[in-house]
Protein backbone atom coordinates (compact mmCIF):
# COMPACT_ATOMS: atom_id res chain seq x y z
CA MET A 1 -0.02 -0.03 -0.07
CA ALA A 2 1.31 3.44 -0.92
CA GLU A 3 2.24 5.92 1.82
CA LEU A 4 -0.55 8.61 2.20
CA ALA A 5 0.33 12.26 1.98
CA SER A 6 0.38 14.15 5.28
CA LYS A 7 0.53 17.73 6.59
CA ARG A 8 1.01 19.45 9.91
CA CYS A 9 -1.97 21.49 11.37
CA PRO A 10 -0.75 25.14 11.96
CA VAL A 11 -2.98 25.34 15.17
CA CYS A 12 -2.35 22.09 17.17
CA GLY A 13 0.88 20.95 15.45
CA ARG A 14 -0.51 17.39 14.88
CA ARG A 15 0.01 15.53 11.74
CA PHE A 16 -2.91 14.56 9.66
CA TRP A 17 -3.11 12.44 6.56
CA TRP A 18 -4.92 12.62 3.24
CA ARG A 19 -8.59 11.53 3.22
CA LYS A 20 -10.75 10.64 0.27
CA LYS A 21 -13.22 13.47 1.03
CA TRP A 22 -10.27 16.00 0.48
CA GLU A 23 -9.40 14.41 -2.87
CA ARG A 24 -10.32 17.37 -4.96
CA ASP A 25 -8.97 20.10 -2.70
CA TRP A 26 -6.02 18.56 -0.84
CA GLU A 27 -3.74 21.42 -1.71
CA GLN A 28 -5.95 23.95 -0.03
CA VAL A 29 -6.56 21.84 3.25
CA ARG A 30 -4.74 23.55 6.04
CA PHE A 31 -6.30 22.28 9.29
CA CYS A 32 -6.75 18.86 10.76
CA SER A 33 -10.45 19.62 12.10
CA ALA A 34 -13.32 22.03 12.11
CA ARG A 35 -12.19 22.80 15.72
CA CYS A 36 -8.70 23.86 14.47
CA LYS A 37 -10.07 25.69 11.66
CA SER A 38 -12.31 27.86 13.88
CA THR A 39 -9.37 28.39 16.43
CA ARG A 40 -7.16 31.42 15.79
CA LEU A 41 -3.80 31.76 17.28
CA ASP A 42 -3.58 34.83 19.56
CA THR A 43 -1.05 36.67 21.64
CA THR A 44 -1.33 34.03 24.51
CA ASP A 45 -0.29 31.23 22.10
CA ARG A 46 2.58 33.19 20.66
CA ALA A 47 3.86 34.13 24.21
CA MET A 48 3.81 30.50 25.25
CA GLU A 49 5.92 29.65 22.20
CA ASP A 50 8.23 32.45 22.93
CA CYS A 51 8.55 31.38 26.59
CA LEU A 52 9.38 27.90 25.71
CA ARG A 53 11.89 28.98 23.13
CA ARG A 54 13.58 31.19 25.84
CA LEU A 55 13.60 28.25 28.35
CA LEU A 56 15.12 25.96 25.78
CA CYS A 57 17.94 28.44 24.99
CA GLN A 58 18.63 28.97 28.63
CA SER A 59 19.16 25.11 29.19
CA PRO A 60 20.28 23.65 25.96
CA ASN A 61 21.27 20.35 27.30
CA LYS A 62 18.32 19.67 29.60
CA PRO A 63 14.64 19.03 28.97
CA VAL A 64 12.37 21.78 29.90
CA PRO A 65 8.90 20.79 31.47
CA LEU A 66 5.71 22.34 30.27
CA ALA A 67 5.02 23.16 33.81
CA ALA A 68 7.58 25.99 33.50
CA LEU A 69 4.81 27.97 31.79
CA ARG A 70 2.98 28.10 35.11
CA GLU A 71 6.08 29.90 36.65
CA HIS A 72 6.96 32.20 33.84
CA LEU A 73 3.46 33.05 32.34
CA ASN A 74 1.05 32.13 35.14
CA LEU A 75 -0.61 29.62 32.72
CA ASP A 76 -1.72 26.19 33.35
CA PRO A 77 0.67 23.96 31.48
CA ASP A 78 -1.84 21.05 31.31
CA THR A 79 -4.15 23.02 29.04
CA GLU A 80 -4.50 21.80 25.27
CA ARG A 81 -3.11 25.29 24.34
CA ALA A 82 0.22 24.68 26.07
CA ARG A 83 0.43 21.23 24.53
CA ASN A 84 -0.34 22.79 21.04
CA ALA A 85 2.40 25.39 21.50
CA ALA A 86 4.82 22.51 22.27
CA ARG A 87 3.75 20.57 19.24
CA ARG A 88 4.14 23.71 17.01
CA LEU A 89 7.80 23.97 18.19
CA VAL A 90 8.35 20.30 17.39
CA ALA A 91 6.63 20.80 13.93
CA ALA A 92 9.06 23.72 13.32
CA GLY A 93 12.02 21.59 13.95
CA GLU A 94 13.08 23.67 17.07
CA ALA A 95 12.38 20.99 19.83
CA VAL A 96 11.71 17.42 20.47
CA LEU A 97 8.88 16.14 22.85
CA VAL A 98 10.29 13.81 25.74
CA GLN A 99 8.70 11.43 28.10
CA ASN A 100 10.60 9.22 30.33
CA GLY A 101 13.98 10.56 29.03
CA ARG A 102 13.06 9.41 25.35
CA GLY A 103 11.67 11.34 22.32
CA VAL A 104 8.20 10.82 21.66
CA ALA A 105 6.05 11.67 18.53
CA PRO A 106 3.57 14.54 19.05
CA GLU A 107 0.73 12.31 18.05
CA ALA A 108 1.53 9.75 20.63
CA ALA A 109 2.41 12.00 23.59
CA ARG A 110 0.16 11.41 26.69
CA GLY A 111 0.60 12.60 30.13
CA VAL A 112 3.37 14.98 31.42
CA LEU A 113 5.52 16.44 28.56
CA TRP A 114 8.99 17.90 28.43
CA LEU A 115 10.77 19.72 25.61
CA ARG A 116 14.29 19.35 24.59
CA ARG A 117 16.19 21.28 22.05
CA ARG A 118 16.85 19.52 18.73
């Protein structure tokens, strides 16, 4: 079976694959779901990404927990928005998601997440 084409959602950072219903307009499809399509990234989302980038630069050899967002931005790191910010950094090639000391795919990540510089 041939490998299906895939893209990354610009909102949640998850990978999604070609579907038959998108056959005619696959080139125009940008979002993985209606929820992501209706969600707009705002200043809070960009602030989370910038904060995570700064923390990754400050400790290049150590993983950074998403819980650090609580200390630096007073935001709950367990929200889906924080996880999406981490996934967007992974999609951009700036970081790797880590669980139990090993890299994990953004689609498979569950529970407590850490980021490490690529």
